[in-house]
Amino acid sequence: MSPIVSVLTPPARPLRRAPARFLAACALSSTLLLGGCASVGVGFGIPVGPFSIGVGASNSGVSAGVSTGVGPVGVGVGVNQRGQVSAGAGVGTSTPVGNSGARVGVGVGTSTVIHDPDTR
């Protein structure tokens, strides 16, 4: 499983401040969950219609991709700096960041390499 931590785009509904205890619980649970994962990363996405175009960095390198989702479920495809193309799916949640219009979230997903240029 590969956790995905991302800053998302503005929400469709009005913002409200998240309680400090909720944010602390999210940070603690994220730390505990991330400790057992093979790949940990951060990234951001920009919405383009029903899709999000994103860039991310993890302990295994830099990647770019496109994703879409409904509710807490998302799917996407991306390419890393070695040219490997991966497809993935995951679930997650997010919360507003103050009054900035941005959101921060955490999710868990899985992916698989669907094309590797080094494999002939």
C-alpha atoms as a PDB file:
ATOM      1  CA  MET A   1       0.000   0.000   0.000  1.00  0.00           C
ATOM      2  CA  SER A   2       1.189   3.492  -0.815  1.00  0.00           C
ATOM      3  CA  PRO A   3      -0.146   6.356   1.309  1.00  0.00           C
ATOM      4  CA  ILE A   4      -0.858   9.574  -0.472  1.00  0.00           C
ATOM      5  CA  VAL A   5      -0.817  12.912   1.308  1.00  0.00           C
ATOM      6  CA  SER A   6      -1.994  15.738  -0.885  1.00  0.00           C
ATOM      7  CA  VAL A   7      -3.122  19.328  -0.874  1.00  0.00           C
ATOM      8  CA  LEU A   8      -6.365  19.445  -2.790  1.00  0.00           C
ATOM      9  CA  THR A   9      -8.353  22.180  -4.460  1.00  0.00           C
ATOM     10  CA  PRO A  10     -10.989  24.462  -2.944  1.00  0.00           C
ATOM     11  CA  PRO A  11     -14.098  22.701  -1.643  1.00  0.00           C
ATOM     12  CA  ALA A  12     -17.555  23.081  -3.121  1.00  0.00           C
ATOM     13  CA  ARG A  13     -19.106  24.004   0.243  1.00  0.00           C
ATOM     14  CA  PRO A  14     -18.269  26.797   2.714  1.00  0.00           C
ATOM     15  CA  LEU A  15     -15.192  26.296   4.876  1.00  0.00           C
ATOM     16  CA  ARG A  16     -15.282  25.680   8.618  1.00  0.00           C
ATOM     17  CA  ARG A  17     -12.355  25.377  10.981  1.00  0.00           C
ATOM     18  CA  ALA A  18     -11.371  21.849  11.945  1.00  0.00           C
ATOM     19  CA  PRO A  19     -11.017  21.280  15.701  1.00  0.00           C
ATOM     20  CA  ALA A  20      -7.420  21.095  16.918  1.00  0.00           C
ATOM     21  CA  ARG A  21      -8.043  17.658  18.459  1.00  0.00           C
ATOM     22  CA  PHE A  22      -9.230  16.301  15.093  1.00  0.00           C
ATOM     23  CA  LEU A  23      -6.096  17.591  13.329  1.00  0.00           C
ATOM     24  CA  ALA A  24      -3.864  16.179  16.087  1.00  0.00           C
ATOM     25  CA  ALA A  25      -5.601  12.791  15.801  1.00  0.00           C
ATOM     26  CA  CYS A  26      -5.123  12.840  12.014  1.00  0.00           C
ATOM     27  CA  ALA A  27      -1.426  13.654  12.402  1.00  0.00           C
ATOM     28  CA  LEU A  28      -0.894  10.902  14.984  1.00  0.00           C
ATOM     29  CA  SER A  29      -2.785   8.243  13.031  1.00  0.00           C
ATOM     30  CA  SER A  30      -0.985   9.239   9.813  1.00  0.00           C
ATOM     31  CA  THR A  31       2.387   8.861  11.539  1.00  0.00           C
ATOM     32  CA  LEU A  32       1.454   5.417  12.837  1.00  0.00           C
ATOM     33  CA  LEU A  33       0.088   4.285   9.474  1.00  0.00           C
ATOM     34  CA  LEU A  34       3.001   5.647   7.449  1.00  0.00           C
ATOM     35  CA  GLY A  35       5.554   3.878   9.615  1.00  0.00           C
ATOM     36  CA  GLY A  36       4.720   0.479   8.107  1.00  0.00           C
ATOM     37  CA  CYS A  37       4.530   1.531   4.450  1.00  0.00           C
ATOM     38  CA  ALA A  38       7.053   0.913   1.701  1.00  0.00           C
ATOM     39  CA  SER A  39       6.383   4.233  -0.042  1.00  0.00           C
ATOM     40  CA  VAL A  40       5.433   7.576   1.488  1.00  0.00           C
ATOM     41  CA  GLY A  41       4.895  10.751  -0.510  1.00  0.00           C
ATOM     42  CA  VAL A  42       3.358  14.197  -0.818  1.00  0.00           C
ATOM     43  CA  GLY A  43       1.887  15.991  -3.789  1.00  0.00           C
ATOM     44  CA  PHE A  44      -0.674  18.431  -5.089  1.00  0.00           C
ATOM     45  CA  GLY A  45      -3.256  18.480  -7.836  1.00  0.00           C
ATOM     46  CA  ILE A  46      -4.935  21.104  -9.975  1.00  0.00           C
ATOM     47  CA  PRO A  47      -8.502  20.393 -11.136  1.00  0.00           C
ATOM     48  CA  VAL A  48      -9.198  20.378 -14.864  1.00  0.00           C
ATOM     49  CA  GLY A  49     -12.845  19.472 -15.392  1.00  0.00           C
ATOM     50  CA  PRO A  50     -13.585  16.134 -13.717  1.00  0.00           C
ATOM     51  CA  PHE A  51      -9.854  15.294 -13.525  1.00  0.00           C
ATOM     52  CA  SER A  52      -6.934  16.446 -11.409  1.00  0.00           C
ATOM     53  CA  ILE A  53      -3.446  16.867 -12.850  1.00  0.00           C
ATOM     54  CA  GLY A  54      -0.864  16.327 -10.156  1.00  0.00           C
ATOM     55  CA  VAL A  55       2.798  16.232  -9.260  1.00  0.00           C
ATOM     56  CA  GLY A  56       4.210  14.306  -6.329  1.00  0.00           C
ATOM     57  CA  ALA A  57       7.419  13.305  -4.606  1.00  0.00           C
ATOM     58  CA  SER A  58       8.057  10.243  -2.487  1.00  0.00           C
ATOM     59  CA  ASN A  59      10.914   8.254  -1.050  1.00  0.00           C
ATOM     60  CA  SER A  60      11.113   6.531  -4.456  1.00  0.00           C
ATOM     61  CA  GLY A  61      11.291   9.704  -6.600  1.00  0.00           C
ATOM     62  CA  VAL A  62       9.204  12.262  -8.484  1.00  0.00           C
ATOM     63  CA  SER A  63       6.055  11.491 -10.468  1.00  0.00           C
ATOM     64  CA  ALA A  64       3.303  13.216 -12.453  1.00  0.00           C
ATOM     65  CA  GLY A  65      -0.145  11.975 -13.294  1.00  0.00           C
ATOM     66  CA  VAL A  66      -3.837  12.437 -13.804  1.00  0.00           C
ATOM     67  CA  SER A  67      -6.606  11.229 -11.496  1.00  0.00           C
ATOM     68  CA  THR A  68     -10.330  11.357 -10.899  1.00  0.00           C
ATOM     69  CA  GLY A  69     -12.612  10.295  -8.118  1.00  0.00           C
ATOM     70  CA  VAL A  70     -16.072  10.168  -6.630  1.00  0.00           C
ATOM     71  CA  GLY A  71     -16.449  10.787  -2.917  1.00  0.00           C
ATOM     72  CA  PRO A  72     -13.565   9.228  -1.003  1.00  0.00           C
ATOM     73  CA  VAL A  73     -12.593   6.831  -3.845  1.00  0.00           C
ATOM     74  CA  GLY A  74     -10.088   7.799  -6.528  1.00  0.00           C
ATOM     75  CA  VAL A  75      -8.243   6.251  -9.454  1.00  0.00           C
ATOM     76  CA  GLY A  76      -5.344   7.514 -11.507  1.00  0.00           C
ATOM     77  CA  VAL A  77      -2.410   6.883 -13.767  1.00  0.00           C
ATOM     78  CA  GLY A  78       1.060   8.386 -13.465  1.00  0.00           C
ATOM     79  CA  VAL A  79       4.624   8.248 -14.716  1.00  0.00           C
ATOM     80  CA  ASN A  80       7.815   8.518 -12.672  1.00  0.00           C
ATOM     81  CA  GLN A  81      11.253   9.885 -13.563  1.00  0.00           C
ATOM     82  CA  ARG A  82      12.373   6.424 -14.788  1.00  0.00           C
ATOM     83  CA  GLY A  83       9.525   6.280 -17.313  1.00  0.00           C
ATOM     84  CA  GLN A  84       7.505   3.641 -15.477  1.00  0.00           C
ATOM     85  CA  VAL A  85       3.750   4.044 -15.926  1.00  0.00           C
ATOM     86  CA  SER A  86       1.587   3.030 -12.966  1.00  0.00           C
ATOM     87  CA  ALA A  87      -2.152   2.755 -12.385  1.00  0.00           C
ATOM     88  CA  GLY A  88      -3.626   3.023  -8.926  1.00  0.00           C
ATOM     89  CA  ALA A  89      -6.718   3.300  -6.774  1.00  0.00           C
ATOM     90  CA  GLY A  90      -7.260   4.524  -3.248  1.00  0.00           C
ATOM     91  CA  VAL A  91      -9.510   6.022  -0.596  1.00  0.00           C
ATOM     92  CA  GLY A  92      -8.954   9.085   1.530  1.00  0.00           C
ATOM     93  CA  THR A  93     -10.298  12.052   3.429  1.00  0.00           C
ATOM     94  CA  SER A  94      -9.444  15.745   3.715  1.00  0.00           C
ATOM     95  CA  THR A  95     -10.100  18.811   5.821  1.00  0.00           C
ATOM     96  CA  PRO A  96      -9.962  22.574   5.085  1.00  0.00           C
ATOM     97  CA  VAL A  97      -6.799  24.552   5.831  1.00  0.00           C
ATOM     98  CA  GLY A  98      -7.963  27.679   7.641  1.00  0.00           C
ATOM     99  CA  ASN A  99      -9.738  30.131   5.336  1.00  0.00           C
ATOM    100  CA  SER A 100      -7.324  29.610   2.427  1.00  0.00           C
ATOM    101  CA  GLY A 101      -9.683  27.578   0.230  1.00  0.00           C
ATOM    102  CA  ALA A 102      -7.133  24.740   0.190  1.00  0.00           C
ATOM    103  CA  ARG A 103      -7.592  21.309   1.735  1.00  0.00           C
ATOM    104  CA  VAL A 104      -5.106  18.848   3.193  1.00  0.00           C
ATOM    105  CA  GLY A 105      -5.809  15.150   3.224  1.00  0.00           C
ATOM    106  CA  VAL A 106      -4.521  11.673   3.762  1.00  0.00           C
ATOM    107  CA  GLY A 107      -5.338   8.481   1.940  1.00  0.00           C
ATOM    108  CA  VAL A 108      -4.268   4.914   1.389  1.00  0.00           C
ATOM    109  CA  GLY A 109      -4.069   3.226  -1.964  1.00  0.00           C
ATOM    110  CA  THR A 110      -2.428   0.602  -4.072  1.00  0.00           C
ATOM    111  CA  SER A 111      -0.800   0.768  -7.470  1.00  0.00           C
ATOM    112  CA  THR A 112       0.842  -1.438 -10.024  1.00  0.00           C
ATOM    113  CA  VAL A 113       3.340  -0.792 -12.815  1.00  0.00           C
ATOM    114  CA  ILE A 114       1.592  -1.242 -16.164  1.00  0.00           C
ATOM    115  CA  HIS A 115       4.609  -0.298 -18.320  1.00  0.00           C
ATOM    116  CA  ASP A 116       8.328  -0.427 -17.527  1.00  0.00           C
ATOM    117  CA  PRO A 117      10.712   0.760 -20.288  1.00  0.00           C
ATOM    118  CA  ASP A 118      13.550  -1.305 -18.760  1.00  0.00           C
ATOM    119  CA  THR A 119      11.610  -4.563 -19.152  1.00  0.00           C
ATOM    120  CA  ARG A 120      11.948  -5.805 -22.704  1.00  0.00           C
END
